């Protein structure tokens, strides 16, 4: 029996699998080009540190 036909899965335009091993290097490359880490650090500069007990 093929259970695929018995599941009620929504039809979506995006892929069901995350495909993270292939996508993560592309994200990191984009973040490096945009200097994202530096921008976050600059925005955080001067804000109070959060300490959790």
PDB file of N, CA and C in Angstrom:
ATOM      1  N   UNK A   1       0.851  -1.189   0.000  1.00  0.00           N
ATOM      2  CA  UNK A   1       0.000   0.000   0.000  1.00  0.00           C
ATOM      3  C   UNK A   1       0.890   1.243   0.000  1.00  0.00           C
ATOM      4  N   UNK A   2       0.530   2.209  -0.825  1.00  0.00           N
ATOM      5  CA  UNK A   2       1.259   3.466  -0.889  1.00  0.00           C
ATOM      6  C   UNK A   2       0.563   4.478   0.014  1.00  0.00           C
ATOM      7  N   UNK A   3       1.194   4.810   1.140  1.00  0.00           N
ATOM      8  CA  UNK A   3       0.582   5.707   2.118  1.00  0.00           C
ATOM      9  C   UNK A   3       0.594   7.168   1.672  1.00  0.00           C
ATOM     10  N   UNK A   4       1.388   7.485   0.675  1.00  0.00           N
ATOM     11  CA  UNK A   4       1.460   8.864   0.194  1.00  0.00           C
ATOM     12  C   UNK A   4       0.085   9.373  -0.237  1.00  0.00           C
ATOM     13  N   UNK A   5      -0.715   8.506  -0.845  1.00  0.00           N
ATOM     14  CA  UNK A   5      -2.038   8.911  -1.317  1.00  0.00           C
ATOM     15  C   UNK A   5      -3.053   9.056  -0.188  1.00  0.00           C
ATOM     16  N   UNK A   6      -2.723   8.568   1.010  1.00  0.00           N
ATOM     17  CA  UNK A   6      -3.661   8.640   2.129  1.00  0.00           C
ATOM     18  C   UNK A   6      -3.427   9.862   3.014  1.00  0.00           C
ATOM     19  N   UNK A   7      -2.321  10.569   2.821  1.00  0.00           N
ATOM     20  CA  UNK A   7      -2.011  11.737   3.643  1.00  0.00           C
ATOM     21  C   UNK A   7      -2.635  12.993   3.055  1.00  0.00           C
ATOM     22  N   UNK A   8      -3.126  13.843   3.903  1.00  0.00           N
ATOM     23  CA  UNK A   8      -3.694  15.117   3.466  1.00  0.00           C
ATOM     24  C   UNK A   8      -2.647  16.212   3.696  1.00  0.00           C
ATOM     25  N   UNK A   9      -1.729  16.327   2.757  1.00  0.00           N
ATOM     26  CA  UNK A   9      -0.666  17.314   2.851  1.00  0.00           C
ATOM     27  C   UNK A   9      -1.026  18.527   2.003  1.00  0.00           C
ATOM     28  N   UNK A  10      -0.745  19.732   2.502  1.00  0.00           N
ATOM     29  CA  UNK A  10      -1.054  20.933   1.727  1.00  0.00           C
ATOM     30  C   UNK A  10      -0.137  21.060   0.510  1.00  0.00           C
ATOM     31  N   UNK A  11      -0.642  21.667  -0.529  1.00  0.00           N
ATOM     32  CA  UNK A  11       0.155  21.949  -1.717  1.00  0.00           C
ATOM     33  C   UNK A  11       0.822  23.301  -1.499  1.00  0.00           C
ATOM     34  N   UNK A  12       2.147  23.318  -1.480  1.00  0.00           N
ATOM     35  CA  UNK A  12       2.889  24.551  -1.246  1.00  0.00           C
ATOM     36  C   UNK A  12       3.891  24.773  -2.363  1.00  0.00           C
ATOM     37  N   UNK A  13       4.330  26.019  -2.516  1.00  0.00           N
ATOM     38  CA  UNK A  13       5.299  26.364  -3.548  1.00  0.00           C
ATOM     39  C   UNK A  13       6.732  26.162  -3.075  1.00  0.00           C
ATOM     40  N   UNK A  14       6.948  26.031  -1.774  1.00  0.00           N
ATOM     41  CA  UNK A  14       8.297  25.882  -1.257  1.00  0.00           C
ATOM     42  C   UNK A  14       8.641  24.401  -1.063  1.00  0.00           C
ATOM     43  N   UNK A  15       9.929  24.083  -1.116  1.00  0.00           N
ATOM     44  CA  UNK A  15      10.316  22.684  -0.944  1.00  0.00           C
ATOM     45  C   UNK A  15      10.071  22.223   0.481  1.00  0.00           C
ATOM     46  N   UNK A  16       9.732  20.973   0.649  1.00  0.00           N
ATOM     47  CA  UNK A  16       9.422  20.438   1.968  1.00  0.00           C
ATOM     48  C   UNK A  16      10.683  20.226   2.809  1.00  0.00           C
ATOM     49  N   UNK A  17      11.788  19.947   2.189  1.00  0.00           N
ATOM     50  CA  UNK A  17      13.020  19.704   2.926  1.00  0.00           C
ATOM     51  C   UNK A  17      13.781  21.011   3.113  1.00  0.00           C
ATOM     52  N   UNK A  18      14.396  21.137   4.237  1.00  0.00           N
ATOM     53  CA  UNK A  18      15.150  22.350   4.525  1.00  0.00           C
ATOM     54  C   UNK A  18      16.381  22.508   3.659  1.00  0.00           C
ATOM     55  N   UNK A  19      17.021  21.391   3.275  1.00  0.00           N
ATOM     56  CA  UNK A  19      18.209  21.424   2.436  1.00  0.00           C
ATOM     57  C   UNK A  19      19.290  22.313   3.039  1.00  0.00           C
ATOM     58  N   UNK A  20      19.401  22.283   4.366  1.00  0.00           N
ATOM     59  CA  UNK A  20      20.313  23.159   5.090  1.00  0.00           C
ATOM     60  C   UNK A  20      21.776  23.025   4.674  1.00  0.00           C
ATOM     61  N   UNK A  21      22.304  21.833   4.476  1.00  0.00           N
ATOM     62  CA  UNK A  21      23.724  21.750   4.100  1.00  0.00           C
ATOM     63  C   UNK A  21      24.053  22.511   2.811  1.00  0.00           C
ATOM     64  N   UNK A  22      23.100  22.644   1.922  1.00  0.00           N
ATOM     65  CA  UNK A  22      23.344  23.378   0.681  1.00  0.00           C
ATOM     66  C   UNK A  22      23.047  24.867   0.823  1.00  0.00           C
ATOM     67  N   UNK A  23      22.097  25.225   1.659  1.00  0.00           N
ATOM     68  CA  UNK A  23      21.684  26.622   1.783  1.00  0.00           C
ATOM     69  C   UNK A  23      22.557  27.433   2.744  1.00  0.00           C
ATOM     70  N   UNK A  24      23.023  26.792   3.816  1.00  0.00           N
ATOM     71  CA  UNK A  24      23.762  27.542   4.833  1.00  0.00           C
ATOM     72  C   UNK A  24      25.004  28.243   4.286  1.00  0.00           C
ATOM     73  N   UNK A  25      25.823  27.609   3.447  1.00  0.00           N
ATOM     74  CA  UNK A  25      26.980  28.338   2.904  1.00  0.00           C
ATOM     75  C   UNK A  25      26.575  29.574   2.095  1.00  0.00           C
ATOM     76  N   UNK A  26      25.453  29.495   1.396  1.00  0.00           N
ATOM     77  CA  UNK A  26      24.977  30.658   0.630  1.00  0.00           C
ATOM     78  C   UNK A  26      24.559  31.784   1.561  1.00  0.00           C
ATOM     79  N   UNK A  27      23.889  31.431   2.671  1.00  0.00           N
ATOM     80  CA  UNK A  27      23.490  32.444   3.657  1.00  0.00           C
ATOM     81  C   UNK A  27      24.721  33.104   4.266  1.00  0.00           C
ATOM     82  N   UNK A  28      25.699  32.298   4.647  1.00  0.00           N
ATOM     83  CA  UNK A  28      26.905  32.844   5.260  1.00  0.00           C
ATOM     84  C   UNK A  28      27.644  33.772   4.302  1.00  0.00           C
ATOM     85  N   UNK A  29      27.704  33.398   3.047  1.00  0.00           N
ATOM     86  CA  UNK A  29      28.360  34.247   2.046  1.00  0.00           C
ATOM     87  C   UNK A  29      27.640  35.588   1.927  1.00  0.00           C
ATOM     88  N   UNK A  30      26.311  35.547   1.913  1.00  0.00           N
ATOM     89  CA  UNK A  30      25.526  36.781   1.821  1.00  0.00           C
ATOM     90  C   UNK A  30      25.749  37.658   3.052  1.00  0.00           C
ATOM     91  N   UNK A  31      25.752  37.035   4.231  1.00  0.00           N
ATOM     92  CA  UNK A  31      25.954  37.796   5.473  1.00  0.00           C
ATOM     93  C   UNK A  31      27.336  38.446   5.498  1.00  0.00           C
ATOM     94  N   UNK A  32      28.345  37.731   4.987  1.00  0.00           N
ATOM     95  CA  UNK A  32      29.693  38.293   4.946  1.00  0.00           C
ATOM     96  C   UNK A  32      29.761  39.480   3.993  1.00  0.00           C
ATOM     97  N   UNK A  33      29.101  39.374   2.835  1.00  0.00           N
ATOM     98  CA  UNK A  33      29.098  40.476   1.873  1.00  0.00           C
ATOM     99  C   UNK A  33      28.423  41.715   2.464  1.00  0.00           C
ATOM    100  N   UNK A  34      27.375  41.511   3.259  1.00  0.00           N
ATOM    101  CA  UNK A  34      26.620  42.620   3.843  1.00  0.00           C
ATOM    102  C   UNK A  34      27.201  43.109   5.161  1.00  0.00           C
ATOM    103  N   UNK A  35      28.280  42.481   5.628  1.00  0.00           N
ATOM    104  CA  UNK A  35      28.853  42.810   6.938  1.00  0.00           C
ATOM    105  C   UNK A  35      27.790  42.777   8.027  1.00  0.00           C
ATOM    106  N   UNK A  36      26.955  41.775   7.993  1.00  0.00           N
ATOM    107  CA  UNK A  36      25.829  41.684   8.912  1.00  0.00           C
ATOM    108  C   UNK A  36      26.275  41.616  10.371  1.00  0.00           C
ATOM    109  N   UNK A  37      27.295  40.807  10.657  1.00  0.00           N
ATOM    110  CA  UNK A  37      27.760  40.683  12.041  1.00  0.00           C
ATOM    111  C   UNK A  37      28.219  42.037  12.579  1.00  0.00           C
ATOM    112  N   UNK A  38      28.980  42.780  11.768  1.00  0.00           N
ATOM    113  CA  UNK A  38      29.465  44.096  12.186  1.00  0.00           C
ATOM    114  C   UNK A  38      28.302  45.053  12.428  1.00  0.00           C
ATOM    115  N   UNK A  39      27.285  45.009  11.580  1.00  0.00           N
ATOM    116  CA  UNK A  39      26.126  45.888  11.750  1.00  0.00           C
ATOM    117  C   UNK A  39      25.383  45.582  13.045  1.00  0.00           C
ATOM    118  N   UNK A  40      25.250  44.300  13.367  1.00  0.00           N
ATOM    119  CA  UNK A  40      24.579  43.908  14.612  1.00  0.00           C
ATOM    120  C   UNK A  40      25.391  44.394  15.805  1.00  0.00           C
ATOM    121  N   UNK A  41      26.708  44.240  15.734  1.00  0.00           N
ATOM    122  CA  UNK A  41      27.566  44.679  16.832  1.00  0.00           C
ATOM    123  C   UNK A  41      27.485  46.191  17.027  1.00  0.00           C
ATOM    124  N   UNK A  42      27.463  46.952  15.951  1.00  0.00           N
ATOM    125  CA  UNK A  42      27.363  48.409  16.040  1.00  0.00           C
ATOM    126  C   UNK A  42      26.016  48.830  16.634  1.00  0.00           C
ATOM    127  N   UNK A  43      24.959  48.155  16.243  1.00  0.00           N
ATOM    128  CA  UNK A  43      23.634  48.495  16.748  1.00  0.00           C
ATOM    129  C   UNK A  43      23.522  48.174  18.237  1.00  0.00           C
ATOM    130  N   UNK A  44      24.178  47.096  18.662  1.00  0.00           N
ATOM    131  CA  UNK A  44      24.114  46.670  20.051  1.00  0.00           C
ATOM    132  C   UNK A  44      25.007  47.535  20.951  1.00  0.00           C
ATOM    133  N   UNK A  45      26.004  48.172  20.394  1.00  0.00           N
ATOM    134  CA  UNK A  45      26.949  48.977  21.154  1.00  0.00           C
ATOM    135  C   UNK A  45      26.201  50.048  21.963  1.00  0.00           C
ATOM    136  N   UNK A  46      26.473  50.098  23.257  1.00  0.00           N
ATOM    137  CA  UNK A  46      25.837  51.076  24.108  1.00  0.00           C
ATOM    138  C   UNK A  46      24.575  50.596  24.771  1.00  0.00           C
ATOM    139  N   UNK A  47      24.042  49.478  24.333  1.00  0.00           N
ATOM    140  CA  UNK A  47      22.830  48.954  24.973  1.00  0.00           C
ATOM    141  C   UNK A  47      23.238  48.194  26.229  1.00  0.00           C
ATOM    142  N   UNK A  48      22.370  48.162  27.227  1.00  0.00           N
ATOM    143  CA  UNK A  48      22.718  47.471  28.464  1.00  0.00           C
ATOM    144  C   UNK A  48      22.845  45.968  28.231  1.00  0.00           C
ATOM    145  N   UNK A  49      23.785  45.367  28.932  1.00  0.00           N
ATOM    146  CA  UNK A  49      23.957  43.920  28.857  1.00  0.00           C
ATOM    147  C   UNK A  49      22.851  43.237  29.645  1.00  0.00           C
ATOM    148  N   UNK A  50      22.379  42.126  29.132  1.00  0.00           N
ATOM    149  CA  UNK A  50      21.355  41.358  29.835  1.00  0.00           C
ATOM    150  C   UNK A  50      22.037  40.243  30.605  1.00  0.00           C
ATOM    151  N   UNK A  51      21.747  40.164  31.873  1.00  0.00           N
ATOM    152  CA  UNK A  51      22.294  39.106  32.708  1.00  0.00           C
ATOM    153  C   UNK A  51      21.135  38.316  33.283  1.00  0.00           C
ATOM    154  N   UNK A  52      21.187  37.038  33.084  1.00  0.00           N
ATOM    155  CA  UNK A  52      20.120  36.174  33.583  1.00  0.00           C
ATOM    156  C   UNK A  52      20.652  35.405  34.784  1.00  0.00           C
ATOM    157  N   UNK A  53      19.859  35.393  35.840  1.00  0.00           N
ATOM    158  CA  UNK A  53      20.279  34.675  37.052  1.00  0.00           C
ATOM    159  C   UNK A  53      19.734  33.281  37.055  1.00  0.00           C
TER     160      UNK A  53
END
